[in-house]
């Protein structure tokens, strides 16, 4: 499952920014499913953006430093150069992945 919502900073450089979260049931983990789901969801958004006269959008993921599996997905799909941060809800150390998608 992948879910997208407006990011805390809804626009970057005038383009919408979507926060993504993803999860895979335990019995289906370590099969590349999360990566495929997130990639497919990004392609669906990319396909829909011209209808809204958008030429680009941003995708971000905030992943806990202890969540290695989600870090791998974010590194492959969003960015291999995250920035360190503190999660605004949990207060725990996290990594911020950000990618601009052009259409």
Protein backbone atom coordinates (compact mmCIF):
# COMPACT_ATOMS: atom_id res chain seq x y z
CA UNK A 1 0.00 0.00 0.00
CA UNK A 2 1.18 3.51 -0.80
CA UNK A 3 -0.59 6.60 0.42
CA UNK A 4 0.10 10.17 -0.65
CA UNK A 5 -0.93 13.38 1.05
CA UNK A 6 0.08 17.00 0.96
CA UNK A 7 3.46 17.48 2.61
CA UNK A 8 4.00 19.81 5.57
CA UNK A 9 5.43 22.27 3.04
CA UNK A 10 2.77 21.91 0.33
CA UNK A 11 4.76 23.64 -2.41
CA UNK A 12 8.43 23.79 -3.35
CA UNK A 13 9.55 26.08 -6.18
CA UNK A 14 5.84 26.60 -6.95
CA UNK A 15 5.17 22.88 -7.44
CA UNK A 16 3.04 20.62 -5.24
CA UNK A 17 4.87 18.42 -2.75
CA UNK A 18 3.37 15.08 -1.73
CA UNK A 19 4.37 13.07 1.31
CA UNK A 20 4.36 9.32 0.74
CA UNK A 21 3.92 6.50 3.19
CA UNK A 22 4.03 2.83 2.33
CA UNK A 23 3.53 -0.54 3.97
CA UNK A 24 3.62 -4.18 2.94
CA UNK A 25 2.08 -7.06 4.91
CA UNK A 26 4.77 -9.06 6.67
CA UNK A 27 4.36 -12.18 4.53
CA UNK A 28 5.07 -10.15 1.35
CA UNK A 29 8.12 -8.21 2.55
CA UNK A 30 11.60 -8.48 1.03
CA UNK A 31 10.17 -9.12 -2.44
CA UNK A 32 10.50 -5.60 -3.88
CA UNK A 33 6.77 -4.94 -3.63
CA UNK A 34 7.03 -1.62 -1.77
CA UNK A 35 9.38 -0.24 -4.39
CA UNK A 36 7.08 -1.31 -7.23
CA UNK A 37 4.00 0.10 -5.49
CA UNK A 38 5.61 3.49 -4.81
CA UNK A 39 7.04 3.70 -8.35
CA UNK A 40 3.62 2.86 -9.85
CA UNK A 41 1.89 5.44 -7.65
CA UNK A 42 4.38 8.13 -8.70
CA UNK A 43 3.76 7.27 -12.37
CA UNK A 44 0.00 7.55 -11.80
CA UNK A 45 0.40 11.04 -10.30
CA UNK A 46 2.79 11.98 -13.11
CA UNK A 47 0.21 10.86 -15.67
CA UNK A 48 -2.51 12.97 -14.01
CA UNK A 49 -0.54 16.21 -13.54
CA UNK A 50 -0.90 17.59 -17.10
CA UNK A 51 -4.68 17.69 -16.54
CA UNK A 52 -3.95 20.20 -13.79
CA UNK A 53 -1.46 22.13 -15.93
CA UNK A 54 1.46 21.06 -13.75
CA UNK A 55 4.91 20.42 -15.22
CA UNK A 56 6.50 18.99 -12.09
CA UNK A 57 5.83 17.88 -8.53
CA UNK A 58 7.86 16.81 -5.51
CA UNK A 59 7.69 13.59 -3.50
CA UNK A 60 9.03 13.29 0.03
CA UNK A 61 9.34 10.49 2.56
CA UNK A 62 10.29 10.85 6.19
CA UNK A 63 11.70 7.56 7.46
CA UNK A 64 12.84 6.71 10.96
CA UNK A 65 16.57 6.07 11.29
CA UNK A 66 15.74 2.64 12.71
CA UNK A 67 13.55 1.61 9.74
CA UNK A 68 16.17 0.12 7.42
CA UNK A 69 13.69 -1.56 5.06
CA UNK A 70 11.82 1.69 4.39
CA UNK A 71 15.12 3.51 3.96
CA UNK A 72 16.06 1.09 1.17
CA UNK A 73 12.78 1.76 -0.62
CA UNK A 74 13.14 5.54 -0.26
CA UNK A 75 16.76 5.42 -1.46
CA UNK A 76 15.81 3.48 -4.58
CA UNK A 77 12.68 5.41 -5.49
CA UNK A 78 13.05 8.92 -4.08
CA UNK A 79 16.66 9.90 -3.33
CA UNK A 80 19.97 8.36 -2.42
CA UNK A 81 20.97 11.52 -0.54
CA UNK A 82 18.60 12.02 2.41
CA UNK A 83 19.04 14.70 5.02
CA UNK A 84 18.95 13.98 8.74
CA UNK A 85 16.13 15.46 10.76
CA UNK A 86 13.97 14.93 13.80
CA UNK A 87 10.49 13.61 13.08
CA UNK A 88 7.98 16.32 13.94
CA UNK A 89 5.48 13.87 15.46
CA UNK A 90 7.59 11.29 17.29
CA UNK A 91 10.59 13.52 17.96
CA UNK A 92 12.86 10.64 16.96
CA UNK A 93 15.79 10.83 14.51
CA UNK A 94 14.66 10.42 10.92
CA UNK A 95 15.82 10.79 7.34
CA UNK A 96 14.14 13.12 4.85
CA UNK A 97 14.07 11.95 1.23
CA UNK A 98 13.03 14.45 -1.45
CA UNK A 99 12.74 14.18 -5.23
CA UNK A 100 11.48 16.47 -7.96
CA UNK A 101 9.51 14.66 -10.65
CA UNK A 102 9.31 16.47 -13.98
CA UNK A 103 6.67 15.73 -16.55
